[in-house]
Protein backbone atom coordinates (compact mmCIF):
# COMPACT_ATOMS: atom_id res chain seq x y z
CA MET A 1 149.08 123.94 120.12
CA SER A 2 146.47 122.33 121.75
CA LEU A 3 143.49 123.68 119.54
CA ILE A 4 145.65 122.86 116.09
CA LYS A 5 145.66 119.33 117.46
CA SER A 6 141.34 119.40 118.26
CA GLU A 7 140.88 120.68 115.15
CA GLU A 8 142.81 118.27 113.29
CA LYS A 9 141.14 115.82 115.32
CA THR A 10 137.71 116.92 114.61
CA SER A 11 138.39 116.72 110.47
CA LYS A 12 139.50 113.58 110.87
CA GLU A 13 137.00 112.18 112.89
CA LYS A 14 135.37 108.95 111.32
CA SER A 15 132.23 109.02 109.59
CA TYR A 16 129.58 105.98 108.21
CA LYS A 17 128.26 106.29 105.06
CA VAL A 18 124.78 104.89 103.69
CA LEU A 19 122.43 104.85 101.05
CA VAL A 20 119.11 104.66 101.18
CA ASP A 21 117.12 104.69 97.89
CA GLY A 22 120.27 105.71 95.88
CA ASP A 23 120.74 108.73 98.44
CA LYS A 24 123.76 109.10 99.91
CA PHE A 25 124.04 109.49 104.50
CA GLU A 26 126.59 110.15 106.76
CA PHE A 27 126.62 108.74 110.93
CA LYS A 28 129.26 110.06 113.23
CA LYS A 29 128.30 106.87 115.30
CA SER A 30 129.27 103.61 114.13
CA VAL A 31 126.34 101.72 115.27
CA VAL A 32 122.57 103.40 114.75
CA THR A 33 118.99 101.99 115.08
CA GLY A 34 116.54 101.35 112.02
CA GLU A 35 114.71 104.55 113.52
CA GLU A 36 117.33 106.51 113.68
CA ILE A 37 117.85 105.45 109.90
CA LEU A 38 113.98 106.40 108.70
CA ILE A 39 114.57 110.02 110.94
CA LYS A 40 117.93 111.22 109.32
CA VAL A 41 116.55 110.13 106.12
CA GLY A 42 113.43 112.13 107.00
CA LYS A 43 110.99 109.24 106.96
CA THR A 44 108.66 110.08 109.69
CA PRO A 45 107.27 108.90 111.84
CA PRO A 46 109.05 106.08 111.66
CA GLU A 47 106.62 103.64 112.41
CA CYS A 48 104.81 104.38 109.40
CA HIS A 49 107.90 102.82 106.95
CA THR A 50 109.60 99.65 107.29
CA LEU A 51 113.66 99.63 106.38
CA TYR A 52 115.12 97.15 104.59
CA GLN A 53 119.16 96.89 104.19
CA LYS A 54 120.26 95.05 100.83
CA LEU A 55 122.75 92.18 101.43
CA LYS A 56 125.09 90.55 99.05
CA GLY A 57 123.29 89.23 95.95
CA CYS A 58 119.54 90.17 95.85
CA ASP A 59 118.31 89.87 98.87
CA PHE A 60 117.03 91.95 102.06
CA GLU A 61 116.82 91.96 105.69
CA LYS A 62 114.19 93.62 107.56
CA ILE A 63 115.25 96.09 109.60
CA SER A 64 113.13 97.15 113.09
CA LEU A 65 113.16 99.95 114.53
CA ASP A 66 115.22 99.26 117.69
CA GLU A 67 117.21 96.75 116.23
CA MET A 68 120.78 98.07 115.98
CA VAL A 69 122.74 98.31 113.28
CA ASP A 70 126.12 97.98 112.79
CA LEU A 71 127.57 100.80 110.16
CA ALA A 72 131.70 100.06 110.25
CA ASN A 73 131.13 96.80 108.49
CA PRO A 74 133.34 97.60 104.95
CA GLY A 75 131.82 99.87 102.35
CA ILE A 76 128.31 101.63 102.25
CA GLU A 77 125.43 99.74 103.68
CA ARG A 78 122.58 100.13 101.77
CA PHE A 79 119.18 100.41 102.69
CA THR A 80 115.22 100.79 101.02
CA VAL A 81 112.54 102.16 102.89
CA LYS A 82 108.71 100.64 102.16
CA PRO A 83 105.50 101.45 103.70
CA PRO A 84 104.45 99.89 106.64
CA GLU A 85 103.61 96.45 106.56
CA VAL A 86 101.31 96.56 109.29
CA PHE A 87 98.82 99.49 110.07
CA HIS A 88 97.22 100.48 113.32
CA TYR A 89 93.66 102.56 113.41
CA THR A 90 91.00 102.16 116.08
CA LEU A 91 87.66 101.45 115.88
CA ASP A 92 85.15 103.33 119.20
CA GLU A 93 88.50 104.49 120.43
CA GLU A 94 89.68 100.78 120.79
CA PRO A 95 92.88 99.77 119.07
CA GLU A 96 92.98 97.59 115.42
CA THR A 97 95.63 96.29 113.47
CA THR A 98 95.80 94.98 109.59
CA ASP A 99 97.95 94.02 106.64
CA GLY A 100 95.66 95.23 104.69
CA LYS A 101 96.41 98.35 102.68
CA SER A 102 93.12 98.83 102.15
CA LEU A 103 89.71 97.07 104.11
CA SER A 104 86.09 98.14 103.45
CA ALA A 105 83.72 99.97 106.17
CA ASN A 106 82.06 96.49 107.05
CA GLN A 107 85.39 94.76 107.23
CA ILE A 108 86.60 97.53 109.47
CA LEU A 109 83.26 97.05 111.96
CA GLN A 110 84.05 93.20 111.49
CA ASN A 111 87.38 93.32 112.27
CA GLY A 112 86.10 95.42 115.29
CA GLY A 113 83.70 92.32 116.18
CA ILE A 114 80.13 94.53 115.63
CA GLU A 115 77.69 91.95 114.15
CA PRO A 116 75.48 92.52 112.10
CA VAL A 117 77.26 94.96 109.81
CA GLU A 118 74.10 95.49 108.40
CA ASP A 119 73.09 97.68 111.65
CA TYR A 120 75.61 99.95 111.47
CA TYR A 121 77.93 102.10 109.55
CA LEU A 122 81.33 103.64 110.05
CA ILE A 123 82.35 107.33 109.97
CA GLU A 124 85.74 107.79 109.97
CA ILE A 125 87.55 111.22 111.57
CA ASP A 126 90.43 112.21 109.73
CA ASN A 127 93.34 114.85 110.49
CA SER A 128 91.57 117.78 110.59
CA GLY A 129 88.63 116.06 112.64
CA SER A 130 86.23 116.36 109.74
CA GLU A 131 84.02 113.23 109.73
CA ILE A 132 83.89 110.99 106.33
CA SER A 133 80.56 108.81 106.55
CA HIS A 134 80.39 105.41 104.81
CA LYS A 135 77.13 104.92 105.47
CA ASP A 136 76.02 105.00 101.49
CA ASN A 137 78.95 102.03 100.23
CA PRO A 138 79.35 100.05 102.84
CA GLU A 139 81.98 97.73 100.60
CA ALA A 140 83.78 100.43 99.31
CA PRO A 141 87.44 100.33 100.03
CA ILE A 142 88.96 102.61 102.47
CA GLU A 143 92.73 103.30 102.12
CA MET A 144 94.50 102.38 105.69
CA LYS A 145 96.29 105.72 106.80
CA CYS A 146 99.14 106.24 108.76
CA PRO A 147 99.88 107.34 111.71
CA GLY A 148 96.42 105.58 111.98
CA SER A 149 93.01 106.31 111.32
CA LYS A 150 90.16 107.05 113.75
CA PHE A 151 86.85 105.42 113.10
CA VAL A 152 83.48 105.71 115.12
CA SER A 153 80.42 102.71 114.31
CA VAL A 154 77.18 104.25 114.44
CA PHE A 155 73.91 101.93 114.83
CA ARG A 156 71.40 102.39 112.35
CA GLY A 157 68.06 101.43 113.40
CA GLU A 158 65.83 103.04 115.46
CA MET A 159 66.97 103.46 119.75
CA PRO A 160 64.02 101.77 122.09
CA VAL A 161 62.39 104.39 123.96
CA SER A 162 61.68 104.21 127.69
């Protein structure tokens, strides 16, 4: 008889439904983090996405990765996912951030404190380790990527010989 009761209990387990960008998902616990929601809906890595909860009316509230969301409220909770608000990247292995979706090579050099930018050019290292030179077009926009792009500055001028 205890087997039947445990089966009944399992089948009656409470689940919490959410809508994310129009798709339904279920959670087995009532309180989850923004990160758990993003992972559940396949938005990985979660730091490359921004989660918003739709409130009554037309308002949206940003939900941070570590923020707790109570799904036990009446009704189905609604969310939407957007691209990240901030992009992280490195220049010469130093961390940098921008809220721009694209920056030119010269902007990246300037943001990293490299002056005068005319004395340098930028190399981007993609995820496969390949190098992309931005030497010939330093004002062309470079799309920021998530996870972060890696850049290296290269001095253009003559190096003194001792």
